[in-house]
Amino acid sequence: MKDRISRRSVLNTVMPAALIGFAFPLRAKAAVADQPHMQAALDALRLAKRELEQADTDKGGHRARAIGLVNDAIGQVEKGINFDRRH
């Protein structure tokens, strides 16, 4: 059976990071006006990625899989931001 990461485990990582992103934005206030929810999600995902990268290695491959999924999510959010800017 293929290892899977549940939505709950991803949300348990991303949601606290999102809350931290709202409390301590990683960018200047001027940038917040441009798609604030997408920017906050991007900040949260980047924070989640940093936390995963700093975690102890292995975890049965789940850590590496989670990093890959977060990278995919970051890419999708960036594409969404760029799409909205063009349309």
Protein backbone atom coordinates (compact mmCIF):
# COMPACT_ATOMS: atom_id res chain seq x y z
CA MET A 1 0.00 0.00 0.00
CA LYS A 2 1.35 3.40 -0.97
CA ASP A 3 2.12 5.79 1.89
CA ARG A 4 -0.31 8.68 2.00
CA ILE A 5 -0.42 11.88 3.95
CA SER A 6 -3.89 12.72 5.17
CA ARG A 7 -5.55 16.06 4.62
CA ARG A 8 -5.80 16.36 8.38
CA SER A 9 -2.01 16.10 8.80
CA VAL A 10 -1.44 18.68 6.08
CA LEU A 11 -4.03 21.01 7.62
CA ASN A 12 -2.51 20.49 11.06
CA THR A 13 0.74 21.81 9.60
CA VAL A 14 -0.59 24.53 7.32
CA MET A 15 -3.29 26.03 9.55
CA PRO A 16 -1.00 26.96 12.47
CA ALA A 17 1.47 28.32 9.94
CA ALA A 18 -1.32 30.39 8.36
CA LEU A 19 -2.21 31.84 11.73
CA ILE A 20 1.43 32.74 12.32
CA GLY A 21 1.51 34.27 8.84
CA PHE A 22 -1.42 36.52 9.72
CA ALA A 23 0.15 37.56 13.01
CA PHE A 24 3.68 38.03 11.66
CA PRO A 25 3.62 38.74 7.92
CA LEU A 26 6.90 38.00 6.15
CA ARG A 27 6.57 40.79 3.61
CA ALA A 28 6.05 44.54 3.55
CA LYS A 29 2.56 45.95 4.13
CA ALA A 30 2.41 47.36 0.59
CA ALA A 31 2.52 43.85 -0.88
CA VAL A 32 -0.40 42.69 1.29
CA ALA A 33 -2.93 44.60 -0.83
CA ASP A 34 -2.22 42.31 -3.79
CA GLN A 35 -4.34 39.19 -3.16
CA PRO A 36 -3.93 39.13 0.64
CA HIS A 37 -5.43 35.68 1.15
CA MET A 38 -3.28 34.07 -1.53
CA GLN A 39 -0.20 35.86 -0.18
CA ALA A 40 -1.03 34.68 3.36
CA ALA A 41 -1.43 31.11 2.08
CA LEU A 42 1.92 31.39 0.31
CA ASP A 43 3.59 32.62 3.51
CA ALA A 44 2.01 29.78 5.49
CA LEU A 45 3.16 27.18 2.98
CA ARG A 46 6.70 28.55 2.95
CA LEU A 47 6.77 28.46 6.74
CA ALA A 48 5.43 24.89 6.72
CA LYS A 49 8.17 23.93 4.26
CA ARG A 50 10.87 25.44 6.49
CA GLU A 51 9.49 23.56 9.50
CA LEU A 52 9.42 20.28 7.59
CA GLU A 53 12.96 20.82 6.34
CA GLN A 54 14.16 21.39 9.91
CA ALA A 55 12.40 18.29 11.27
CA ASP A 56 14.38 15.14 11.95
CA THR A 57 14.92 13.13 8.79
CA ASP A 58 13.20 9.91 7.75
CA LYS A 59 9.71 9.55 9.28
CA GLY A 60 9.15 6.60 7.00
CA GLY A 61 9.28 8.81 3.93
CA HIS A 62 6.35 10.93 5.09
CA ARG A 63 8.46 14.03 5.74
CA ALA A 64 9.91 13.97 2.24
CA ARG A 65 6.47 13.36 0.73
CA ALA A 66 5.03 16.27 2.74
CA ILE A 67 7.81 18.56 1.50
CA GLY A 68 6.98 17.54 -2.06
CA LEU A 69 3.28 18.23 -1.54
CA VAL A 70 4.02 21.61 0.01
CA ASN A 71 6.29 22.46 -2.94
CA ASP A 72 3.44 21.52 -5.29
CA ALA A 73 1.02 23.67 -3.29
CA ILE A 74 3.43 26.63 -3.37
CA GLY A 75 3.65 26.29 -7.14
CA GLN A 76 -0.13 26.16 -7.51
CA VAL A 77 -0.66 29.24 -5.31
CA GLU A 78 1.98 31.15 -7.29
CA LYS A 79 0.30 30.12 -10.55
CA GLY A 80 -3.06 31.25 -9.16
CA ILE A 81 -1.66 34.63 -8.17
CA ASN A 82 -0.09 35.09 -11.59
CA PHE A 83 -3.27 33.98 -13.35
CA ASP A 84 -5.36 36.50 -11.42
CA ARG A 85 -2.90 39.29 -12.23
CA ARG A 86 -3.28 38.58 -15.95
CA HIS A 87 -7.08 38.24 -16.06
